[in-house]
Amino acid sequence: MTVLSDADILKYINEGLLRIEPFVLDCMSPSGYDLRSGISIDVEPKTTVLIHTLETVELSSSICGHIFIRSSFAREGIFGSFAFVDPGFKGQLTLSLSNLGDATVKIFAGEKVAQIVFMKLLTPSVRPYGGRYQNSSGVVKSKRNF
């Protein structure tokens, strides 16, 4: 796998292999895209919350994504548990955030909260994602089957 640069990301968007809506050039980083919170929320100490991204992403069968918390939030005690974004996924992303600190952390709607790094697969996936979280909108809780 190869990490996409900002130039690669723009190229893939123009070629229709990657979609980010709404796309804001200011959210680009040298090797990723900053995802913004779709909601405002207070994350109390020692709690975990689910938020969704403002952006909807759509990955072709040749691109996957890895999500990281922005370092400013990590420095305030916020850590994230993020799933790998499979090739073929489309929808908003639900992010699980935990406040390990002692102070409440406010996250504002539209604030940059995480970064997604896109990677190109050596060959396109023959079985792109089509699972239960496809076309997610808003916060989507676990859909595990028991």
N, C-alpha and C. Protein backbone atom coordinates (compact mmCIF):
# COMPACT_ATOMS: atom_id res chain seq x y z
N MET A 1 0.84 -1.18 0.00
CA MET A 1 0.00 0.00 0.00
C MET A 1 0.88 1.25 0.00
N THR A 2 0.37 2.26 -0.61
CA THR A 2 1.06 3.54 -0.70
C THR A 2 0.15 4.62 -0.13
N VAL A 3 0.69 5.47 0.73
CA VAL A 3 -0.06 6.59 1.30
C VAL A 3 -0.21 7.67 0.23
N LEU A 4 -1.42 8.20 0.10
CA LEU A 4 -1.68 9.25 -0.88
C LEU A 4 -1.27 10.62 -0.34
N SER A 5 -0.59 11.40 -1.16
CA SER A 5 -0.25 12.77 -0.80
C SER A 5 -1.45 13.67 -1.07
N ASP A 6 -1.33 14.94 -0.68
CA ASP A 6 -2.40 15.89 -0.97
C ASP A 6 -2.66 15.98 -2.48
N ALA A 7 -1.59 15.96 -3.27
CA ALA A 7 -1.75 16.00 -4.74
C ALA A 7 -2.47 14.74 -5.24
N ASP A 8 -2.12 13.58 -4.68
CA ASP A 8 -2.79 12.33 -5.06
C ASP A 8 -4.27 12.37 -4.71
N ILE A 9 -4.57 12.88 -3.51
CA ILE A 9 -5.98 12.95 -3.07
C ILE A 9 -6.79 13.80 -4.04
N LEU A 10 -6.27 14.96 -4.40
CA LEU A 10 -6.97 15.83 -5.35
C LEU A 10 -7.13 15.14 -6.71
N LYS A 11 -6.10 14.45 -7.15
CA LYS A 11 -6.16 13.72 -8.43
C LYS A 11 -7.24 12.64 -8.37
N TYR A 12 -7.28 11.88 -7.29
CA TYR A 12 -8.26 10.81 -7.16
C TYR A 12 -9.68 11.36 -7.08
N ILE A 13 -9.85 12.51 -6.43
CA ILE A 13 -11.17 13.15 -6.39
C ILE A 13 -11.58 13.54 -7.81
N ASN A 14 -10.67 14.17 -8.54
CA ASN A 14 -10.97 14.59 -9.92
C ASN A 14 -11.26 13.42 -10.84
N GLU A 15 -10.64 12.26 -10.57
CA GLU A 15 -10.86 11.07 -11.39
C GLU A 15 -12.08 10.27 -10.93
N GLY A 16 -12.72 10.68 -9.82
CA GLY A 16 -13.91 9.98 -9.33
C GLY A 16 -13.60 8.71 -8.55
N LEU A 17 -12.34 8.51 -8.16
CA LEU A 17 -11.97 7.32 -7.39
C LEU A 17 -12.12 7.54 -5.89
N LEU A 18 -12.31 8.80 -5.50
CA LEU A 18 -12.46 9.19 -4.10
C LEU A 18 -13.44 10.35 -4.05
N ARG A 19 -14.34 10.30 -3.08
CA ARG A 19 -15.31 11.39 -2.93
C ARG A 19 -15.33 11.81 -1.48
N ILE A 20 -15.30 13.11 -1.23
CA ILE A 20 -15.43 13.69 0.11
C ILE A 20 -16.43 14.83 -0.03
N GLU A 21 -17.55 14.73 0.68
CA GLU A 21 -18.60 15.77 0.61
C GLU A 21 -19.04 16.17 2.00
N PRO A 22 -19.06 17.43 2.37
CA PRO A 22 -18.53 18.52 1.58
C PRO A 22 -17.00 18.53 1.64
N PHE A 23 -16.38 18.88 0.53
CA PHE A 23 -14.93 18.98 0.45
C PHE A 23 -14.52 20.42 0.70
N VAL A 24 -13.54 20.61 1.59
CA VAL A 24 -13.01 21.94 1.89
C VAL A 24 -11.49 21.86 1.76
N LEU A 25 -10.93 22.66 0.89
CA LEU A 25 -9.49 22.62 0.65
C LEU A 25 -8.69 22.85 1.93
N ASP A 26 -9.22 23.67 2.85
CA ASP A 26 -8.55 23.96 4.11
C ASP A 26 -8.39 22.71 5.00
N CYS A 27 -9.15 21.67 4.72
CA CYS A 27 -9.06 20.43 5.51
C CYS A 27 -7.98 19.49 4.98
N MET A 28 -7.37 19.83 3.86
CA MET A 28 -6.30 19.00 3.32
C MET A 28 -5.06 19.15 4.18
N SER A 29 -4.34 18.05 4.36
CA SER A 29 -3.02 18.08 4.99
C SER A 29 -2.05 17.47 3.98
N PRO A 30 -0.76 17.48 4.25
CA PRO A 30 0.19 16.95 3.27
C PRO A 30 -0.08 15.50 2.87
N SER A 31 -0.65 14.72 3.81
CA SER A 31 -0.88 13.30 3.49
C SER A 31 -2.22 12.80 4.03
N GLY A 32 -3.22 13.67 4.03
CA GLY A 32 -4.52 13.24 4.52
C GLY A 32 -5.56 14.34 4.41
N TYR A 33 -6.67 14.09 5.08
CA TYR A 33 -7.79 15.03 5.08
C TYR A 33 -8.34 15.09 6.49
N ASP A 34 -8.54 16.30 7.01
CA ASP A 34 -9.09 16.47 8.35
C ASP A 34 -10.61 16.34 8.32
N LEU A 35 -11.10 15.39 9.10
CA LEU A 35 -12.54 15.17 9.21
C LEU A 35 -13.10 16.05 10.32
N ARG A 36 -14.28 16.60 10.08
CA ARG A 36 -14.90 17.50 11.05
C ARG A 36 -16.07 16.82 11.75
N SER A 37 -16.31 17.25 12.97
CA SER A 37 -17.42 16.71 13.75
C SER A 37 -18.74 17.19 13.16
N GLY A 38 -19.69 16.28 13.07
CA GLY A 38 -21.02 16.63 12.59
C GLY A 38 -21.91 17.19 13.68
N ILE A 39 -21.43 17.15 14.94
CA ILE A 39 -22.24 17.62 16.07
C ILE A 39 -21.37 18.35 17.07
N SER A 40 -22.01 19.15 17.93
CA SER A 40 -21.34 19.72 19.10
C SER A 40 -21.65 18.80 20.28
N ILE A 41 -20.63 18.57 21.10
CA ILE A 41 -20.81 17.67 22.24
C ILE A 41 -19.78 17.97 23.32
N ASP A 42 -20.19 17.82 24.57
CA ASP A 42 -19.27 17.89 25.70
C ASP A 42 -18.89 16.46 26.05
N VAL A 43 -17.59 16.17 26.05
CA VAL A 43 -17.12 14.84 26.41
C VAL A 43 -16.63 14.91 27.85
N GLU A 44 -17.45 14.37 28.74
CA GLU A 44 -17.14 14.42 30.18
C GLU A 44 -15.97 13.50 30.49
N PRO A 45 -15.24 13.80 31.58
CA PRO A 45 -14.12 12.94 31.97
C PRO A 45 -14.58 11.49 32.18
N LYS A 46 -13.73 10.59 31.77
CA LYS A 46 -13.92 9.14 31.98
C LYS A 46 -15.17 8.61 31.28
N THR A 47 -15.54 9.22 30.14
CA THR A 47 -16.70 8.74 29.36
C THR A 47 -16.29 8.51 27.92
N THR A 48 -17.12 7.76 27.23
CA THR A 48 -16.95 7.50 25.80
C THR A 48 -18.21 7.95 25.09
N VAL A 49 -18.04 8.63 23.96
CA VAL A 49 -19.17 9.10 23.17
C VAL A 49 -18.98 8.69 21.71
N LEU A 50 -20.06 8.66 20.99
CA LEU A 50 -20.02 8.45 19.54
C LEU A 50 -20.39 9.76 18.87
N ILE A 51 -19.61 10.14 17.86
CA ILE A 51 -19.95 11.29 17.03
C ILE A 51 -19.86 10.83 15.57
N HIS A 52 -20.41 11.62 14.69
CA HIS A 52 -20.26 11.31 13.27
C HIS A 52 -19.54 12.46 12.58
N THR A 53 -18.92 12.12 11.46
CA THR A 53 -18.23 13.14 10.69
C THR A 53 -19.23 13.97 9.90
N LEU A 54 -18.87 15.21 9.70
CA LEU A 54 -19.66 16.08 8.84
C LEU A 54 -19.58 15.56 7.40
N GLU A 55 -18.40 15.05 7.05
CA GLU A 55 -18.16 14.58 5.69
C GLU A 55 -18.74 13.18 5.45
N THR A 56 -19.17 13.00 4.23
CA THR A 56 -19.46 11.68 3.69
C THR A 56 -18.28 11.33 2.80
N VAL A 57 -17.77 10.12 2.96
CA VAL A 57 -16.66 9.69 2.11
C VAL A 57 -17.12 8.51 1.26
N GLU A 58 -16.53 8.40 0.10
CA GLU A 58 -16.79 7.26 -0.77
C GLU A 58 -15.47 6.82 -1.38
N LEU A 59 -15.07 5.58 -1.07
CA LEU A 59 -13.79 5.06 -1.51
C LEU A 59 -14.00 4.06 -2.64
N SER A 60 -13.16 4.15 -3.66
CA SER A 60 -13.22 3.16 -4.73
C SER A 60 -12.65 1.84 -4.21
N SER A 61 -12.69 0.82 -5.05
CA SER A 61 -12.19 -0.50 -4.64
C SER A 61 -10.67 -0.55 -4.55
N SER A 62 -10.00 0.54 -4.90
CA SER A 62 -8.53 0.55 -4.85
C SER A 62 -7.98 1.44 -3.74
N ILE A 63 -8.87 2.02 -2.89
CA ILE A 63 -8.44 2.93 -1.83
C ILE A 63 -9.04 2.49 -0.50
N CYS A 64 -8.22 2.56 0.57
CA CYS A 64 -8.71 2.33 1.93
C CYS A 64 -8.28 3.53 2.78
N GLY A 65 -8.77 3.58 4.00
CA GLY A 65 -8.45 4.71 4.86
C GLY A 65 -8.15 4.29 6.28
N HIS A 66 -7.29 5.06 6.93
CA HIS A 66 -6.94 4.86 8.33
C HIS A 66 -7.17 6.19 9.04
N ILE A 67 -7.89 6.16 10.17
CA ILE A 67 -8.28 7.37 10.87
C ILE A 67 -7.43 7.54 12.12
N PHE A 68 -7.03 8.78 12.38
CA PHE A 68 -6.24 9.14 13.56
C PHE A 68 -6.89 10.33 14.25
N ILE A 69 -6.83 10.36 15.58
CA ILE A 69 -7.31 11.53 16.33
C ILE A 69 -6.34 12.69 16.07
N ARG A 70 -6.84 13.90 16.02
CA ARG A 70 -5.94 15.06 15.90
C ARG A 70 -5.17 15.23 17.20
N SER A 71 -3.91 15.58 17.08
CA SER A 71 -3.04 15.60 18.26
C SER A 71 -3.49 16.61 19.31
N SER A 72 -4.14 17.69 18.91
CA SER A 72 -4.63 18.66 19.90
C SER A 72 -5.62 18.02 20.86
N PHE A 73 -6.49 17.16 20.33
CA PHE A 73 -7.45 16.48 21.20
C PHE A 73 -6.74 15.45 22.08
N ALA A 74 -5.77 14.74 21.53
CA ALA A 74 -5.02 13.77 22.33
C ALA A 74 -4.34 14.47 23.50
N ARG A 75 -3.85 15.66 23.28
CA ARG A 75 -3.19 16.43 24.34
C ARG A 75 -4.16 16.88 25.42
N GLU A 76 -5.45 16.85 25.11
CA GLU A 76 -6.48 17.20 26.10
C GLU A 76 -7.09 15.95 26.73
N GLY A 77 -6.57 14.77 26.38
CA GLY A 77 -7.06 13.53 26.97
C GLY A 77 -8.05 12.76 26.13
N ILE A 78 -8.34 13.22 24.92
CA ILE A 78 -9.29 12.53 24.05
C ILE A 78 -8.54 11.51 23.19
N PHE A 79 -9.01 10.28 23.21
CA PHE A 79 -8.44 9.24 22.37
C PHE A 79 -9.58 8.58 21.61
N GLY A 80 -9.25 8.07 20.44
CA GLY A 80 -10.28 7.46 19.61
C GLY A 80 -9.99 6.01 19.32
N SER A 81 -11.07 5.27 19.17
CA SER A 81 -10.99 3.89 18.71
C SER A 81 -11.69 3.87 17.36
N PHE A 82 -10.90 3.73 16.30
CA PHE A 82 -11.42 3.87 14.95
C PHE A 82 -11.23 2.60 14.16
N ALA A 83 -12.24 2.25 13.40
CA ALA A 83 -12.15 1.11 12.49
C ALA A 83 -11.40 1.51 11.23
N PHE A 84 -10.83 0.55 10.58
CA PHE A 84 -10.21 0.73 9.28
C PHE A 84 -11.33 0.99 8.28
N VAL A 85 -11.13 1.90 7.35
CA VAL A 85 -12.16 2.20 6.35
C VAL A 85 -11.83 1.39 5.10
N ASP A 86 -12.67 0.41 4.83
CA ASP A 86 -12.42 -0.53 3.74
C ASP A 86 -12.66 0.08 2.36
N PRO A 87 -11.98 -0.46 1.35
CA PRO A 87 -12.27 -0.06 -0.03
C PRO A 87 -13.75 -0.30 -0.33
N GLY A 88 -14.38 0.63 -1.02
CA GLY A 88 -15.78 0.49 -1.36
C GLY A 88 -16.74 1.10 -0.36
N PHE A 89 -16.24 1.53 0.82
CA PHE A 89 -17.13 2.14 1.81
C PHE A 89 -17.66 3.47 1.31
N LYS A 90 -18.92 3.75 1.64
CA LYS A 90 -19.48 5.08 1.40
C LYS A 90 -20.43 5.42 2.53
N GLY A 91 -20.31 6.65 3.01
CA GLY A 91 -21.18 7.13 4.09
C GLY A 91 -20.42 8.05 5.02
N GLN A 92 -21.14 8.53 6.04
CA GLN A 92 -20.50 9.27 7.11
C GLN A 92 -19.83 8.26 8.03
N LEU A 93 -18.80 8.70 8.73
CA LEU A 93 -18.06 7.82 9.64
C LEU A 93 -18.47 8.09 11.08
N THR A 94 -18.74 7.04 11.84
CA THR A 94 -19.01 7.16 13.27
C THR A 94 -17.70 6.96 14.01
N LEU A 95 -17.37 7.91 14.88
CA LEU A 95 -16.12 7.87 15.63
C LEU A 95 -16.41 7.68 17.11
N SER A 96 -15.68 6.78 17.75
CA SER A 96 -15.80 6.54 19.19
C SER A 96 -14.66 7.29 19.88
N LEU A 97 -15.03 8.24 20.75
CA LEU A 97 -14.06 9.07 21.45
C LEU A 97 -14.17 8.86 22.94
N SER A 98 -13.03 8.71 23.60
CA SER A 98 -12.99 8.54 25.06
C SER A 98 -12.18 9.68 25.66
N ASN A 99 -12.71 10.22 26.75
CA ASN A 99 -12.00 11.28 27.47
C ASN A 99 -11.30 10.63 28.67
N LEU A 100 -10.00 10.48 28.58
CA LEU A 100 -9.22 9.88 29.66
C LEU A 100 -8.71 10.93 30.63
N GLY A 101 -9.00 12.19 30.35
CA GLY A 101 -8.54 13.28 31.20
C GLY A 101 -9.48 13.57 32.34
N ASP A 102 -9.17 14.65 33.07
CA ASP A 102 -9.96 15.05 34.24
C ASP A 102 -10.88 16.23 33.97
N ALA A 103 -10.83 16.80 32.77
CA ALA A 103 -11.66 17.97 32.44
C ALA A 103 -12.57 17.65 31.27
N THR A 104 -13.73 18.29 31.26
CA THR A 104 -14.66 18.16 30.13
C THR A 104 -14.03 18.79 28.89
N VAL A 105 -14.16 18.12 27.76
CA VAL A 105 -13.64 18.63 26.50
C VAL A 105 -14.82 18.91 25.58
N LYS A 106 -14.92 20.13 25.12
CA LYS A 106 -16.00 20.55 24.21
C LYS A 106 -15.54 20.35 22.78
N ILE A 107 -16.37 19.69 21.99
CA ILE A 107 -16.12 19.54 20.55
C ILE A 107 -17.26 20.28 19.85
N PHE A 108 -16.90 21.14 18.94
CA PHE A 108 -17.89 21.95 18.24
C PHE A 108 -18.23 21.35 16.88
N ALA A 109 -19.47 21.48 16.47
CA ALA A 109 -19.87 21.04 15.13
C ALA A 109 -19.00 21.77 14.11
N GLY A 110 -18.47 21.04 13.16
CA GLY A 110 -17.62 21.62 12.14
C GLY A 110 -16.15 21.70 12.52
N GLU A 111 -15.82 21.34 13.76
CA GLU A 111 -14.42 21.39 14.21
C GLU A 111 -13.66 20.16 13.69
N LYS A 112 -12.42 20.38 13.27
CA LYS A 112 -11.56 19.28 12.83
C LYS A 112 -11.23 18.41 14.03
N VAL A 113 -11.59 17.13 13.95
CA VAL A 113 -11.43 16.24 15.10
C VAL A 113 -10.53 15.04 14.80
N ALA A 114 -10.48 14.62 13.56
CA ALA A 114 -9.68 13.45 13.20
C ALA A 114 -9.11 13.65 11.79
N GLN A 115 -8.12 12.85 11.47
CA GLN A 115 -7.55 12.89 10.13
C GLN A 115 -7.69 11.51 9.51
N ILE A 116 -8.09 11.48 8.25
CA ILE A 116 -8.10 10.22 7.52
C ILE A 116 -6.93 10.23 6.53
N VAL A 117 -6.18 9.16 6.56
CA VAL A 117 -5.06 8.96 5.65
C VAL A 117 -5.50 7.90 4.65
N PHE A 118 -5.42 8.22 3.38
CA PHE A 118 -5.84 7.29 2.33
C PHE A 118 -4.64 6.52 1.80
N MET A 119 -4.88 5.26 1.51
CA MET A 119 -3.83 4.40 0.96
C MET A 119 -4.34 3.71 -0.29
N LYS A 120 -3.47 3.58 -1.27
CA LYS A 120 -3.80 2.89 -2.51
C LYS A 120 -3.37 1.44 -2.38
N LEU A 121 -4.29 0.53 -2.67
CA LEU A 121 -3.97 -0.89 -2.66
C LEU A 121 -3.13 -1.23 -3.89
N LEU A 122 -2.31 -2.25 -3.78
CA LEU A 122 -1.50 -2.67 -4.92
C LEU A 122 -2.38 -3.10 -6.09
N THR A 123 -3.48 -3.78 -5.78
CA THR A 123 -4.49 -4.15 -6.78
C THR A 123 -5.86 -3.87 -6.18
N PRO A 124 -6.83 -3.50 -6.98
CA PRO A 124 -8.16 -3.23 -6.44
C PRO A 124 -8.76 -4.46 -5.74
N SER A 125 -9.55 -4.21 -4.74
CA SER A 125 -10.23 -5.29 -4.02
C SER A 125 -11.26 -5.96 -4.94
N VAL A 126 -11.32 -7.29 -4.89
CA VAL A 126 -12.33 -7.99 -5.68
C VAL A 126 -13.64 -8.09 -4.90
N ARG A 127 -13.58 -7.81 -3.60
CA ARG A 127 -14.78 -7.83 -2.75
C ARG A 127 -14.85 -6.54 -1.93
N PRO A 128 -15.12 -5.38 -2.58
CA PRO A 128 -15.18 -4.13 -1.83
C PRO A 128 -16.28 -4.16 -0.77
N TYR A 129 -16.16 -3.27 0.19
CA TYR A 129 -17.08 -3.24 1.33
C TYR A 129 -18.53 -3.08 0.88
N GLY A 130 -19.39 -3.87 1.48
CA GLY A 130 -20.83 -3.78 1.24
C GLY A 130 -21.57 -4.20 2.49
N GLY A 131 -20.95 -3.98 3.65
CA GLY A 131 -21.49 -4.45 4.93
C GLY A 131 -22.60 -3.60 5.51
N ARG A 132 -22.91 -3.88 6.75
CA ARG A 132 -24.07 -3.28 7.43
C ARG A 132 -23.95 -1.80 7.73
N TYR A 133 -22.75 -1.23 7.60
CA TYR A 133 -22.58 0.21 7.85
C TYR A 133 -22.48 1.03 6.56
N GLN A 134 -22.70 0.35 5.42
CA GLN A 134 -22.67 1.05 4.13
C GLN A 134 -23.76 2.11 4.11
N ASN A 135 -23.47 3.27 3.55
CA ASN A 135 -24.40 4.41 3.44
C ASN A 135 -24.81 4.97 4.80
N SER A 136 -23.93 4.87 5.79
CA SER A 136 -24.21 5.39 7.14
C SER A 136 -24.46 6.89 7.08
N SER A 137 -25.37 7.33 7.92
CA SER A 137 -25.69 8.74 8.06
C SER A 137 -25.92 9.03 9.53
N GLY A 138 -25.23 10.04 10.06
CA GLY A 138 -25.34 10.33 11.49
C GLY A 138 -24.60 9.28 12.30
N VAL A 139 -24.82 9.33 13.61
CA VAL A 139 -24.19 8.35 14.50
C VAL A 139 -24.90 7.01 14.31
N VAL A 140 -24.11 5.99 14.03
CA VAL A 140 -24.65 4.65 13.86
C VAL A 140 -24.08 3.77 14.97
N LYS A 141 -24.96 3.28 15.82
CA LYS A 141 -24.52 2.42 16.92
C LYS A 141 -24.19 1.02 16.38
N SER A 142 -23.60 0.20 17.23
CA SER A 142 -23.19 -1.14 16.84
C SER A 142 -24.37 -1.93 16.27
N LYS A 143 -24.08 -2.65 15.21
CA LYS A 143 -25.08 -3.52 14.58
C LYS A 143 -24.67 -4.97 14.70
N ARG A 144 -23.95 -5.30 15.78
CA ARG A 144 -23.54 -6.69 15.97
C ARG A 144 -24.75 -7.58 16.10
N ASN A 145 -24.63 -8.77 15.57
CA ASN A 145 -25.71 -9.77 15.70
C ASN A 145 -25.33 -10.73 16.82
N PHE A 146 -26.28 -11.03 17.68
CA PHE A 146 -26.04 -11.99 18.76
C PHE A 146 -26.79 -13.26 18.50
